[in-house]
Protein backbone atom coordinates (compact mmCIF):
# COMPACT_ATOMS: atom_id res chain seq x y z
CA VAL A 1 0.00 0.00 0.00
CA THR A 2 1.44 3.34 -1.05
CA LEU A 3 1.63 6.46 1.10
CA LYS A 4 -0.86 8.13 -1.25
CA ALA A 5 -3.35 5.27 -0.72
CA CYS A 6 -2.91 5.51 3.07
CA LYS A 7 -3.56 9.26 3.04
CA LYS A 8 -6.66 8.72 0.90
CA GLU A 9 -7.96 6.07 3.34
CA GLU A 10 -7.30 8.38 6.31
CA LYS A 11 -9.23 11.16 4.56
CA ILE A 12 -12.18 8.83 3.84
CA ASP A 13 -12.15 7.68 7.49
CA ARG A 14 -12.09 11.28 8.79
CA GLU A 15 -15.00 12.24 6.52
CA PHE A 16 -16.93 9.21 7.78
CA GLN A 17 -16.28 10.14 11.43
CA LYS A 18 -17.55 13.68 10.79
CA LYS A 19 -20.64 12.61 8.80
CA PHE A 20 -21.71 9.92 11.29
CA LYS A 21 -20.49 11.79 14.42
CA PHE A 22 -18.39 8.69 15.14
CA GLU A 23 -16.02 9.08 18.09
CA GLY A 24 -12.80 7.17 18.65
CA SER A 25 -10.90 4.81 16.41
CA ILE A 26 -12.57 2.78 13.70
CA LYS A 27 -12.40 -0.91 14.59
CA VAL A 28 -13.88 -3.80 12.66
CA LEU A 29 -15.97 -5.79 15.14
CA THR A 30 -16.78 -8.65 12.79
CA GLN A 31 -17.70 -9.38 9.19
CA MET A 32 -21.17 -10.23 7.97
CA MET A 33 -22.70 -11.09 4.64
CA VAL A 34 -25.64 -9.46 2.89
CA ASP A 35 -28.32 -12.15 2.46
CA PRO A 36 -28.05 -13.56 -1.09
CA ALA A 37 -31.88 -13.70 -1.19
CA THR A 38 -32.35 -10.00 -0.42
CA THR A 39 -33.47 -7.38 -2.91
CA GLU A 40 -30.56 -5.26 -4.10
CA LYS A 41 -30.92 -1.58 -3.27
CA ARG A 42 -29.03 1.53 -4.24
CA GLY A 43 -27.47 3.38 -1.34
CA GLY A 44 -28.92 6.58 0.00
CA ALA A 45 -27.73 9.49 2.13
CA LYS A 46 -26.27 7.40 4.94
CA ASN A 47 -27.13 3.93 3.66
CA LEU A 48 -24.79 1.55 1.88
CA PRO A 49 -25.99 -0.01 -1.38
CA LEU A 50 -27.13 -3.60 -0.81
CA ARG A 51 -25.38 -6.16 -2.99
CA ARG A 52 -26.35 -9.81 -2.63
CA GLY A 53 -23.68 -11.94 -0.97
CA GLU A 54 -21.36 -8.98 -0.30
CA ILE A 55 -19.12 -9.31 2.76
CA LEU A 56 -19.16 -6.15 4.90
CA ASP A 57 -16.99 -5.03 7.83
CA VAL A 58 -19.18 -4.31 10.86
CA ILE A 59 -18.06 -1.08 12.56
CA GLN A 60 -20.91 -0.65 15.04
CA PHE A 61 -24.17 -2.35 16.01
CA THR A 62 -26.16 0.90 16.05
CA ASN A 63 -29.53 -0.48 17.19
CA GLU A 64 -31.83 -3.49 16.59
CA LYS A 65 -32.70 -2.23 13.12
CA GLN A 66 -29.42 -1.17 11.55
CA ILE A 67 -25.69 -1.81 11.56
CA LEU A 68 -22.95 0.65 10.61
CA CYS A 69 -20.77 -1.09 8.01
CA ARG A 70 -17.93 -0.54 5.56
CA ASN A 71 -17.81 -2.17 2.14
CA SER A 72 -14.87 -3.26 -0.01
CA GLN A 73 -14.75 0.19 -1.68
CA ARG A 74 -14.18 1.66 1.80
CA ARG A 75 -17.59 3.32 1.78
CA TYR A 76 -19.42 3.59 5.08
CA GLY A 77 -23.11 3.49 5.79
CA TYR A 78 -26.02 1.86 7.51
CA VAL A 79 -27.34 -1.55 6.50
CA PRO A 80 -30.62 -3.04 7.78
CA GLN A 81 -29.81 -5.74 10.35
CA ALA A 82 -32.59 -7.91 8.87
CA VAL A 83 -30.60 -8.55 5.65
CA MET A 84 -27.30 -9.40 7.37
CA LEU A 85 -26.08 -12.95 7.97
CA PRO A 86 -23.23 -14.00 10.28
CA LEU A 87 -20.28 -15.59 8.47
């Protein structure tokens, strides 16, 4: 990983922390998979797009309804807990 890539990742992480008012360091709690049977959805303001079978990093279990996740493109957002499966 180049220095440029690291700086870009740090910038993305800082923007995420600001947008989601996320305090402290970003730690991956676990990984979960989007249910392959779910309906794919485009992302919205603070929601990640839903892609069947995608593996997401879980950053925070926000509440019973949604989980704060990061996808492979290093995008952050909420995902409905109902469509997530443990690995």
